[in-house]
Amino acid sequence: MKIAVPVNQSGHIDGHFGHCEYYSVYDVSEKGEIVNECYIKSENGCGCKSNIASVLAARGVSVMLAGGIGEGAINVLNNAGIQVIRGCSGDSAELVKLYIEGKITDSGVTCAHHDHH
């Protein structure tokens, strides 16, 4: 399984999916262990209008652990075969471990609007 997490330079989840600096992608073994981590630089602009969903899907990502994320981005990720878990925060590696252990669930909270400048 591959899990993606939108992160900032400190390796913590970025609270706004579309504004993150990087995506950490974790490879998880069948035993539930993290066996590899790589980074994908985020493109500029809104996450739902970028091609990040197709890039992540091409790399085999099946789960996105996100903080704040809008409905448009969720739809794009879901259409690419990526399940979105909303309301996540903290250190990305620790979060992935908690998800593997079944201790992370979707908050059900979606960002309702964006501030575009």
C-alpha atoms as a PDB file:
ATOM      1  CA  MET A   1       0.000   0.000   0.000  1.00  0.00           C
ATOM      2  CA  LYS A   2       1.144   3.561  -0.667  1.00  0.00           C
ATOM      3  CA  ILE A   3      -0.018   6.475   1.454  1.00  0.00           C
ATOM      4  CA  ALA A   4       0.468  10.142   0.562  1.00  0.00           C
ATOM      5  CA  VAL A   5       0.554  13.030   3.030  1.00  0.00           C
ATOM      6  CA  PRO A   6       0.628  16.749   2.092  1.00  0.00           C
ATOM      7  CA  VAL A   7       3.460  18.219   4.194  1.00  0.00           C
ATOM      8  CA  ASN A   8       5.487  21.337   4.883  1.00  0.00           C
ATOM      9  CA  GLN A   9       9.292  21.405   5.124  1.00  0.00           C
ATOM     10  CA  SER A  10       9.241  20.257   8.752  1.00  0.00           C
ATOM     11  CA  GLY A  11       7.477  17.018   7.783  1.00  0.00           C
ATOM     12  CA  HIS A  12       4.196  17.934   9.432  1.00  0.00           C
ATOM     13  CA  ILE A  13       0.856  17.814   7.686  1.00  0.00           C
ATOM     14  CA  ASP A  14      -0.006  21.051   5.964  1.00  0.00           C
ATOM     15  CA  GLY A  15      -3.430  22.184   7.159  1.00  0.00           C
ATOM     16  CA  HIS A  16      -4.463  23.122   3.625  1.00  0.00           C
ATOM     17  CA  PHE A  17      -4.035  20.401   0.989  1.00  0.00           C
ATOM     18  CA  GLY A  18      -3.776  22.806  -1.963  1.00  0.00           C
ATOM     19  CA  HIS A  19      -1.003  24.883  -0.395  1.00  0.00           C
ATOM     20  CA  CYS A  20       1.426  22.199   0.776  1.00  0.00           C
ATOM     21  CA  GLU A  21       5.102  22.269  -0.207  1.00  0.00           C
ATOM     22  CA  TYR A  22       5.539  18.530  -0.734  1.00  0.00           C
ATOM     23  CA  TYR A  23       3.746  15.214  -0.664  1.00  0.00           C
ATOM     24  CA  SER A  24       5.423  12.500   1.384  1.00  0.00           C
ATOM     25  CA  VAL A  25       4.666   9.111  -0.117  1.00  0.00           C
ATOM     26  CA  TYR A  26       5.082   6.118   2.173  1.00  0.00           C
ATOM     27  CA  ASP A  27       5.390   2.522   1.008  1.00  0.00           C
ATOM     28  CA  VAL A  28       3.798   0.188   3.553  1.00  0.00           C
ATOM     29  CA  SER A  29       4.616  -3.525   3.551  1.00  0.00           C
ATOM     30  CA  GLU A  30       2.056  -6.302   3.918  1.00  0.00           C
ATOM     31  CA  LYS A  31       3.215  -6.533   7.547  1.00  0.00           C
ATOM     32  CA  GLY A  32       2.158  -2.920   8.093  1.00  0.00           C
ATOM     33  CA  GLU A  33       5.663  -1.488   8.257  1.00  0.00           C
ATOM     34  CA  ILE A  34       6.883   1.664   6.529  1.00  0.00           C
ATOM     35  CA  VAL A  35       9.584   0.455   4.160  1.00  0.00           C
ATOM     36  CA  ASN A  36      10.242   3.585   2.102  1.00  0.00           C
ATOM     37  CA  GLU A  37       9.447   7.289   1.950  1.00  0.00           C
ATOM     38  CA  CYS A  38       9.868   9.634  -1.007  1.00  0.00           C
ATOM     39  CA  TYR A  39       8.858  13.228  -1.671  1.00  0.00           C
ATOM     40  CA  ILE A  40       7.007  14.806  -4.553  1.00  0.00           C
ATOM     41  CA  LYS A  41       7.248  18.583  -4.866  1.00  0.00           C
ATOM     42  CA  SER A  42       3.853  20.239  -4.943  1.00  0.00           C
ATOM     43  CA  GLU A  43       2.893  22.298  -7.947  1.00  0.00           C
ATOM     44  CA  ASN A  44       1.780  25.888  -7.475  1.00  0.00           C
ATOM     45  CA  GLY A  45      -1.928  26.540  -7.401  1.00  0.00           C
ATOM     46  CA  CYS A  46      -5.054  24.906  -6.142  1.00  0.00           C
ATOM     47  CA  GLY A  47      -4.723  21.187  -5.441  1.00  0.00           C
ATOM     48  CA  CYS A  48      -7.981  20.298  -7.194  1.00  0.00           C
ATOM     49  CA  LYS A  49      -6.827  21.960 -10.425  1.00  0.00           C
ATOM     50  CA  SER A  50      -3.313  20.517 -10.458  1.00  0.00           C
ATOM     51  CA  ASN A  51      -2.352  17.128 -11.863  1.00  0.00           C
ATOM     52  CA  ILE A  52      -1.239  15.800  -8.462  1.00  0.00           C
ATOM     53  CA  ALA A  53      -4.003  13.177  -8.330  1.00  0.00           C
ATOM     54  CA  SER A  54      -2.825  11.547 -11.566  1.00  0.00           C
ATOM     55  CA  VAL A  55       0.831  11.792 -10.475  1.00  0.00           C
ATOM     56  CA  LEU A  56       0.071  10.107  -7.143  1.00  0.00           C
ATOM     57  CA  ALA A  57      -2.156   7.478  -8.757  1.00  0.00           C
ATOM     58  CA  ALA A  58       0.581   6.650 -11.285  1.00  0.00           C
ATOM     59  CA  ARG A  59       2.913   6.022  -8.340  1.00  0.00           C
ATOM     60  CA  GLY A  60       0.409   3.608  -6.804  1.00  0.00           C
ATOM     61  CA  VAL A  61      -0.960   5.806  -4.011  1.00  0.00           C
ATOM     62  CA  SER A  62      -4.289   4.529  -2.692  1.00  0.00           C
ATOM     63  CA  VAL A  63      -4.749   6.691   0.436  1.00  0.00           C
ATOM     64  CA  MET A  64      -4.307  10.432   1.118  1.00  0.00           C
ATOM     65  CA  LEU A  65      -4.085  11.521   4.754  1.00  0.00           C
ATOM     66  CA  ALA A  66      -4.998  15.212   4.669  1.00  0.00           C
ATOM     67  CA  GLY A  67      -5.696  18.071   7.037  1.00  0.00           C
ATOM     68  CA  GLY A  68      -8.018  20.626   5.477  1.00  0.00           C
ATOM     69  CA  ILE A  69      -9.180  19.727   1.985  1.00  0.00           C
ATOM     70  CA  GLY A  70     -11.999  20.906  -0.265  1.00  0.00           C
ATOM     71  CA  GLU A  71     -14.692  18.888  -1.996  1.00  0.00           C
ATOM     72  CA  GLY A  72     -13.170  19.536  -5.443  1.00  0.00           C
ATOM     73  CA  ALA A  73      -9.835  18.033  -4.436  1.00  0.00           C
ATOM     74  CA  ILE A  74     -11.543  15.087  -2.755  1.00  0.00           C
ATOM     75  CA  ASN A  75     -13.521  14.374  -5.935  1.00  0.00           C
ATOM     76  CA  VAL A  76     -10.414  14.564  -8.122  1.00  0.00           C
ATOM     77  CA  LEU A  77      -8.472  12.248  -5.789  1.00  0.00           C
ATOM     78  CA  ASN A  78     -11.392   9.807  -5.474  1.00  0.00           C
ATOM     79  CA  ASN A  79     -11.778   9.710  -9.266  1.00  0.00           C
ATOM     80  CA  ALA A  80      -8.084   8.767  -9.459  1.00  0.00           C
ATOM     81  CA  GLY A  81      -8.717   5.855  -7.070  1.00  0.00           C
ATOM     82  CA  ILE A  82      -7.306   7.576  -3.974  1.00  0.00           C
ATOM     83  CA  GLN A  83      -9.271   7.415  -0.713  1.00  0.00           C
ATOM     84  CA  VAL A  84      -9.087  10.659   1.304  1.00  0.00           C
ATOM     85  CA  ILE A  85      -8.946  10.724   5.102  1.00  0.00           C
ATOM     86  CA  ARG A  86      -9.671  14.271   6.334  1.00  0.00           C
ATOM     87  CA  GLY A  87      -8.852  16.095   9.561  1.00  0.00           C
ATOM     88  CA  CYS A  88      -5.311  14.781  10.072  1.00  0.00           C
ATOM     89  CA  SER A  89      -2.512  16.716  11.768  1.00  0.00           C
ATOM     90  CA  GLY A  90       0.959  16.281  13.216  1.00  0.00           C
ATOM     91  CA  ASP A  91       4.095  14.469  12.109  1.00  0.00           C
ATOM     92  CA  SER A  92       3.515  12.627   8.826  1.00  0.00           C
ATOM     93  CA  ALA A  93       5.440   9.432   9.655  1.00  0.00           C
ATOM     94  CA  GLU A  94       3.711   9.100  13.033  1.00  0.00           C
ATOM     95  CA  LEU A  95       0.346   9.707  11.391  1.00  0.00           C
ATOM     96  CA  VAL A  96       0.959   6.960   8.822  1.00  0.00           C
ATOM     97  CA  LYS A  97       1.845   4.543  11.646  1.00  0.00           C
ATOM     98  CA  LEU A  98      -1.380   5.422  13.467  1.00  0.00           C
ATOM     99  CA  TYR A  99      -3.378   4.952  10.258  1.00  0.00           C
ATOM    100  CA  ILE A 100      -1.824   1.520   9.719  1.00  0.00           C
ATOM    101  CA  GLU A 101      -2.818   0.622  13.292  1.00  0.00           C
ATOM    102  CA  GLY A 102      -6.416   1.635  12.545  1.00  0.00           C
ATOM    103  CA  LYS A 103      -6.308   4.624  14.894  1.00  0.00           C
ATOM    104  CA  ILE A 104      -7.030   7.334  12.290  1.00  0.00           C
ATOM    105  CA  THR A 105     -10.501   7.863  10.853  1.00  0.00           C
ATOM    106  CA  ASP A 106     -11.989  10.429   8.499  1.00  0.00           C
ATOM    107  CA  SER A 107     -13.256  13.535  10.313  1.00  0.00           C
ATOM    108  CA  GLY A 108     -16.012  14.123   7.764  1.00  0.00           C
ATOM    109  CA  VAL A 109     -15.109  17.829   7.672  1.00  0.00           C
ATOM    110  CA  THR A 110     -14.566  19.390   4.246  1.00  0.00           C
ATOM    111  CA  CYS A 111     -13.333  22.913   3.552  1.00  0.00           C
ATOM    112  CA  ALA A 112     -16.311  24.858   2.243  1.00  0.00           C
ATOM    113  CA  HIS A 113     -14.468  27.635   0.408  1.00  0.00           C
ATOM    114  CA  HIS A 114     -11.076  28.955  -0.629  1.00  0.00           C
ATOM    115  CA  ASP A 115      -9.639  32.434  -0.369  1.00  0.00           C
ATOM    116  CA  HIS A 116      -8.287  33.202  -3.843  1.00  0.00           C
ATOM    117  CA  HIS A 117      -6.206  36.329  -4.281  1.00  0.00           C
END
